[in-house]
Amino acid sequence: MRTELWDEFAGLVSASPRLLATVTAHNADGTSSLTTYDGAQMRAIGVLGGTIPYNVWVRAGRVVEVAPNLALFEVTV
């Protein structure tokens, strides 16, 4: 039986990555205004509540869940 490593790897990687963002506002239309760690502004469907600002996970344009408020580190390998 032959396996393709690339196909196996592709199965692990999601087509829509999970992004970490900070909620900056709740909007009347049921969306949240967000800022990503690199400064990009976006809107996502969903309002989780909480005291603004707070961190959330976003996937495919939807707020998924509250994220921990931890320090971020970027490492280049």
C-alpha atoms as a PDB file:
ATOM      1  CA  MET A   1       0.000   0.000   0.000  1.00  0.00           C
ATOM      2  CA  ARG A   2       1.486   3.293  -1.105  1.00  0.00           C
ATOM      3  CA  THR A   3       0.948   6.437   0.967  1.00  0.00           C
ATOM      4  CA  GLU A   4       1.446   9.980  -0.158  1.00  0.00           C
ATOM      5  CA  LEU A   5       3.006  12.016   2.633  1.00  0.00           C
ATOM      6  CA  TRP A   6       1.825  15.279   1.099  1.00  0.00           C
ATOM      7  CA  ASP A   7      -1.794  14.051   1.075  1.00  0.00           C
ATOM      8  CA  GLU A   8      -1.492  13.052   4.716  1.00  0.00           C
ATOM      9  CA  PHE A   9      -0.030  16.447   5.606  1.00  0.00           C
ATOM     10  CA  ALA A  10      -2.766  18.267   3.660  1.00  0.00           C
ATOM     11  CA  GLY A  11      -5.347  16.421   5.752  1.00  0.00           C
ATOM     12  CA  LEU A  12      -3.859  17.955   8.900  1.00  0.00           C
ATOM     13  CA  VAL A  13      -3.883  21.523   7.610  1.00  0.00           C
ATOM     14  CA  SER A  14      -7.273  23.209   7.535  1.00  0.00           C
ATOM     15  CA  ALA A  15      -8.395  25.228   4.522  1.00  0.00           C
ATOM     16  CA  SER A  16      -9.535  27.969   6.909  1.00  0.00           C
ATOM     17  CA  PRO A  17      -6.954  28.603   9.618  1.00  0.00           C
ATOM     18  CA  ARG A  18      -7.878  29.624  13.143  1.00  0.00           C
ATOM     19  CA  LEU A  19      -6.890  33.244  13.793  1.00  0.00           C
ATOM     20  CA  LEU A  20      -6.289  35.003  17.080  1.00  0.00           C
ATOM     21  CA  ALA A  21      -7.883  38.457  17.279  1.00  0.00           C
ATOM     22  CA  THR A  22      -8.869  41.075  19.845  1.00  0.00           C
ATOM     23  CA  VAL A  23     -12.477  42.244  19.957  1.00  0.00           C
ATOM     24  CA  THR A  24     -12.596  46.047  19.701  1.00  0.00           C
ATOM     25  CA  ALA A  25     -16.385  46.486  19.366  1.00  0.00           C
ATOM     26  CA  HIS A  26     -19.709  44.650  19.262  1.00  0.00           C
ATOM     27  CA  ASN A  27     -21.869  45.756  16.343  1.00  0.00           C
ATOM     28  CA  ALA A  28     -25.677  46.007  16.170  1.00  0.00           C
ATOM     29  CA  ASP A  29     -25.835  43.523  13.257  1.00  0.00           C
ATOM     30  CA  GLY A  30     -24.479  40.640  15.378  1.00  0.00           C
ATOM     31  CA  THR A  31     -20.869  40.968  14.254  1.00  0.00           C
ATOM     32  CA  SER A  32     -17.710  41.863  16.154  1.00  0.00           C
ATOM     33  CA  SER A  33     -15.019  44.278  15.022  1.00  0.00           C
ATOM     34  CA  LEU A  34     -11.607  42.676  15.484  1.00  0.00           C
ATOM     35  CA  THR A  35      -7.918  43.486  15.304  1.00  0.00           C
ATOM     36  CA  THR A  36      -5.424  40.692  14.618  1.00  0.00           C
ATOM     37  CA  TYR A  37      -2.011  40.565  16.290  1.00  0.00           C
ATOM     38  CA  ASP A  38      -0.390  42.034  13.154  1.00  0.00           C
ATOM     39  CA  GLY A  39      -2.779  45.023  13.171  1.00  0.00           C
ATOM     40  CA  ALA A  40      -5.252  43.948  10.472  1.00  0.00           C
ATOM     41  CA  GLN A  41      -8.860  45.075  10.987  1.00  0.00           C
ATOM     42  CA  MET A  42     -11.744  42.703  10.263  1.00  0.00           C
ATOM     43  CA  ARG A  43     -15.352  41.880  11.112  1.00  0.00           C
ATOM     44  CA  ALA A  44     -16.579  38.428  12.066  1.00  0.00           C
ATOM     45  CA  ILE A  45     -20.014  36.977  12.712  1.00  0.00           C
ATOM     46  CA  GLY A  46     -20.717  36.410  16.373  1.00  0.00           C
ATOM     47  CA  VAL A  47     -20.650  38.188  19.717  1.00  0.00           C
ATOM     48  CA  LEU A  48     -19.396  36.272  22.740  1.00  0.00           C
ATOM     49  CA  GLY A  49     -19.823  38.993  25.327  1.00  0.00           C
ATOM     50  CA  GLY A  50     -17.259  39.937  27.880  1.00  0.00           C
ATOM     51  CA  THR A  51     -15.514  43.182  28.659  1.00  0.00           C
ATOM     52  CA  ILE A  52     -13.888  44.753  25.595  1.00  0.00           C
ATOM     53  CA  PRO A  53     -11.066  44.241  24.736  1.00  0.00           C
ATOM     54  CA  TYR A  54     -10.791  40.459  24.926  1.00  0.00           C
ATOM     55  CA  ASN A  55      -9.192  37.819  22.694  1.00  0.00           C
ATOM     56  CA  VAL A  56     -11.117  35.373  20.518  1.00  0.00           C
ATOM     57  CA  TRP A  57     -10.432  32.609  18.019  1.00  0.00           C
ATOM     58  CA  VAL A  58     -11.866  33.246  14.538  1.00  0.00           C
ATOM     59  CA  ARG A  59     -12.330  30.672  11.778  1.00  0.00           C
ATOM     60  CA  ALA A  60     -13.956  31.201   8.369  1.00  0.00           C
ATOM     61  CA  GLY A  61     -15.310  34.631   9.310  1.00  0.00           C
ATOM     62  CA  ARG A  62     -16.983  33.449  12.526  1.00  0.00           C
ATOM     63  CA  VAL A  63     -16.033  34.035  16.147  1.00  0.00           C
ATOM     64  CA  VAL A  64     -15.447  30.528  17.522  1.00  0.00           C
ATOM     65  CA  GLU A  65     -14.558  30.946  21.204  1.00  0.00           C
ATOM     66  CA  VAL A  66     -12.830  33.145  23.745  1.00  0.00           C
ATOM     67  CA  ALA A  67      -9.021  32.867  23.670  1.00  0.00           C
ATOM     68  CA  PRO A  68      -6.678  33.252  26.634  1.00  0.00           C
ATOM     69  CA  ASN A  69      -5.097  36.648  27.197  1.00  0.00           C
ATOM     70  CA  LEU A  70      -1.444  35.596  27.001  1.00  0.00           C
ATOM     71  CA  ALA A  71       1.664  37.309  25.687  1.00  0.00           C
ATOM     72  CA  LEU A  72       2.385  36.604  21.999  1.00  0.00           C
ATOM     73  CA  PHE A  73       5.782  35.594  20.685  1.00  0.00           C
ATOM     74  CA  GLU A  74       6.772  35.235  17.055  1.00  0.00           C
ATOM     75  CA  VAL A  75       9.602  32.805  16.346  1.00  0.00           C
ATOM     76  CA  THR A  76      11.304  32.395  12.985  1.00  0.00           C
ATOM     77  CA  VAL A  77      12.838  28.993  12.320  1.00  0.00           C
END
